[in-house]
Protein backbone atom coordinates (compact mmCIF):
# COMPACT_ATOMS: atom_id res chain seq x y z
CA THR A 1 137.94 125.89 95.77
CA GLU A 2 136.24 127.71 92.74
CA GLU A 3 135.65 130.89 94.47
CA THR A 4 139.27 131.08 96.73
CA GLY A 5 141.24 129.28 94.25
CA LEU A 6 143.03 127.30 97.09
CA VAL A 7 142.62 123.53 98.46
CA SER A 8 139.46 122.79 100.02
CA VAL A 9 139.07 119.63 102.05
CA LEU A 10 136.63 118.22 104.25
CA VAL A 11 137.15 116.66 107.35
CA ILE A 12 134.91 114.43 109.99
CA TRP A 13 135.90 113.06 113.31
CA SER A 14 136.58 109.53 113.60
CA GLY A 15 137.40 107.10 116.38
CA GLY A 16 141.22 108.21 115.24
CA GLY A 17 140.46 111.85 115.78
CA PRO A 18 139.95 114.20 112.20
CA THR A 19 139.73 112.66 109.33
CA LEU A 20 140.05 114.05 105.86
CA ILE A 21 137.40 112.21 103.59
CA ARG A 22 137.39 114.96 100.35
CA TRP A 23 139.85 117.54 99.09
CA GLU A 24 139.60 119.46 96.02
CA GLN A 25 143.15 120.74 94.40
CA GLY A 26 143.29 124.57 93.88
CA ASP A 27 145.13 126.92 91.43
CA LEU A 28 148.07 127.06 93.25
CA ALA A 29 151.49 127.35 91.42
CA THR A 30 152.57 124.76 93.87
CA ALA A 31 150.65 121.38 94.21
CA VAL A 32 149.31 120.61 97.46
CA ARG A 33 148.04 116.97 97.81
CA ILE A 34 146.55 115.22 100.89
CA ARG A 35 145.45 111.67 101.12
CA GLU A 36 141.83 111.17 101.87
CA GLY A 37 141.57 108.65 104.91
CA ARG A 38 144.14 110.61 106.47
CA ILE A 39 144.10 111.32 110.17
CA LEU A 40 144.88 115.12 111.09
CA SER A 41 146.58 116.84 114.25
CA LEU A 42 143.97 118.19 116.30
CA LEU A 43 146.33 120.88 117.41
CA ARG A 44 148.39 121.98 114.23
CA THR A 45 145.83 121.58 111.75
CA ALA A 46 142.72 124.29 111.01
CA SER A 47 140.33 121.47 110.62
CA GLY A 48 141.60 119.98 113.73
CA LYS A 49 141.11 122.93 115.74
CA VAL A 50 137.59 122.96 114.58
CA PHE A 51 137.08 119.91 116.12
CA LEU A 52 139.17 120.94 119.46
CA ALA A 53 137.05 124.08 119.89
CA TYR A 54 133.35 122.82 118.82
CA LEU A 55 133.37 119.01 120.38
CA PRO A 56 133.34 118.45 124.49
CA GLU A 57 136.32 118.07 125.68
CA GLU A 58 135.78 114.65 127.05
CA LYS A 59 135.68 113.45 123.49
CA THR A 60 139.41 115.39 122.74
CA ARG A 61 140.95 114.89 126.22
CA ASP A 62 142.88 111.58 125.13
CA LEU A 63 144.11 112.82 121.64
CA VAL A 64 144.88 116.12 122.97
CA ALA A 65 147.46 114.77 125.64
CA ALA A 66 148.97 112.25 123.15
CA GLU A 67 149.68 114.85 121.06
CA LEU A 68 151.16 117.15 123.34
CA GLY A 69 153.74 114.52 123.95
CA SER A 70 154.49 113.75 120.41
CA PRO A 71 157.53 114.27 118.94
CA ALA A 72 156.03 115.51 116.29
CA HIS A 73 154.31 118.07 118.16
CA LEU A 74 157.29 118.93 120.46
CA ALA A 75 159.22 119.78 117.28
CA SER A 76 156.50 121.74 115.56
CA HIS A 77 155.87 125.52 115.54
CA SER A 78 152.45 125.13 117.31
CA PRO A 79 151.78 128.01 119.90
CA LEU A 80 149.59 124.86 121.56
CA ARG A 81 151.63 123.73 124.54
CA THR A 82 149.48 123.57 127.84
CA ALA A 83 146.26 123.36 128.62
CA GLU A 84 145.75 127.22 129.20
CA ASP A 85 147.07 127.47 125.57
CA ILE A 86 143.98 125.27 124.54
CA ALA A 87 141.68 126.77 126.23
CA LYS A 88 142.62 130.23 124.99
CA ALA A 89 142.49 128.92 121.42
CA ARG A 90 139.06 127.11 122.01
CA ALA A 91 137.26 130.48 123.25
CA GLU A 92 139.18 132.57 120.52
CA ILE A 93 138.11 130.11 117.80
CA ARG A 94 134.87 130.01 119.02
CA ALA A 95 134.63 133.85 118.97
CA GLN A 96 135.73 134.00 115.38
CA GLY A 97 133.81 131.13 114.17
CA ILE A 98 137.14 130.33 112.21
CA SER A 99 140.47 128.69 113.01
CA SER A 100 143.64 128.81 111.68
CA ASN A 101 146.96 127.18 111.11
CA ALA A 102 150.60 128.72 109.86
CA GLY A 103 152.86 126.12 109.26
CA GLU A 104 152.10 124.52 112.15
CA SER A 105 151.52 120.77 110.63
CA ASP A 106 153.99 121.22 107.51
CA ALA A 107 156.05 123.92 106.94
CA GLY A 108 155.03 125.96 104.30
CA ILE A 109 151.49 125.45 104.55
CA ALA A 110 148.73 127.58 105.82
CA GLY A 111 145.17 127.15 106.18
CA LEU A 112 141.78 128.26 107.88
CA GLY A 113 139.43 125.45 108.79
CA ALA A 114 135.25 126.23 109.82
CA PRO A 115 132.62 124.10 111.53
CA ILE A 116 129.69 122.43 109.74
CA PHE A 117 126.56 122.23 112.23
CA GLY A 118 124.37 119.32 111.92
CA ALA A 119 120.39 119.34 113.03
CA ASP A 120 121.52 118.44 116.33
CA GLY A 121 123.44 121.75 116.80
CA GLU A 122 126.94 119.62 117.12
CA VAL A 123 129.65 119.95 114.99
CA VAL A 124 129.91 117.32 112.10
CA MET A 125 132.52 118.43 110.04
CA ALA A 126 135.02 121.08 109.40
CA ILE A 127 135.59 122.77 106.02
CA ALA A 128 139.09 124.06 105.22
CA VAL A 129 141.23 126.32 102.75
CA ILE A 130 144.86 125.58 102.58
CA GLY A 131 147.42 127.52 100.64
CA VAL A 132 150.94 128.16 100.86
CA LEU A 133 152.16 130.46 103.98
CA GLY A 134 152.69 134.05 103.15
CA ILE A 135 150.95 134.27 99.60
CA ALA A 136 147.31 132.73 100.24
CA GLY A 137 146.04 135.63 102.00
CA LEU A 138 144.56 133.70 104.83
CA ASP A 139 143.94 136.28 107.31
CA HIS A 140 140.63 136.07 109.28
CA ASP A 141 138.66 138.93 107.88
CA GLY A 142 140.48 137.93 103.68
CA PRO A 143 138.23 136.83 100.98
CA ALA A 144 139.03 133.40 101.91
CA ALA A 145 137.59 133.68 105.02
CA LYS A 146 134.62 135.15 103.97
CA ALA A 147 133.96 132.53 101.57
CA LEU A 148 134.97 129.74 103.87
CA ARG A 149 132.37 130.93 106.74
CA ALA A 150 129.59 131.51 104.02
CA THR A 151 130.19 128.00 102.57
CA ALA A 152 130.04 126.17 106.31
CA GLN A 153 126.89 128.06 107.13
CA ASP A 154 125.30 126.97 103.52
CA VAL A 155 126.04 123.31 104.51
CA SER A 156 124.87 123.66 107.92
CA ARG A 157 121.67 125.14 106.75
CA ALA A 158 121.49 122.40 104.22
CA LEU A 159 121.96 119.73 106.91
CA GLY A 160 119.40 121.22 108.78
CA GLY A 161 121.92 122.94 111.45
CA ALA A 162 122.35 126.42 112.73
CA ALA A 163 125.04 128.48 111.15
CA LEU A 164 127.35 130.99 113.45
CA PRO A 165 126.57 134.36 113.10
CA THR A 166 129.11 136.25 110.67
CA GLN A 167 130.95 139.13 111.55
CA THR A 168 128.81 141.59 109.42
CA ASP A 169 125.38 139.73 111.05
CA ALA A 170 126.97 140.35 114.39
CA ALA A 171 127.76 144.12 113.65
């Protein structure tokens, strides 16, 4: 939040799905308030998509099926409509090490999410930055994405987990 000026959130996986446990308000002209304890969409939020990509499919299967048929999902702008869409999104998120949301959950709100790994190599949290769609500069190669990846790697290492290679590490 200090580096990007954007809202930052930490999300864990709970029995109900991606659950927000902490948020920090950014320096946005528009206030973005997210209630801690809120269960987030697996298919329409950047944080949810982190878990979609990195958890075993058997852990997410029932929630994916429920969300795909939900009125909220059907009314959304989510590009994830079929099993093929979801498989493609999983692969893209894993390849890029970052997920995104562009107004899919809440109109006018965009976000980027990154995984945090524990010592066992499993995803334990998602960290995300959130801003106003079209204003926040949330492309996958921008400053916010670079700061998000670096923070996720730092936290993963602090937890004894391996970090994903960054795009500069891979080059």
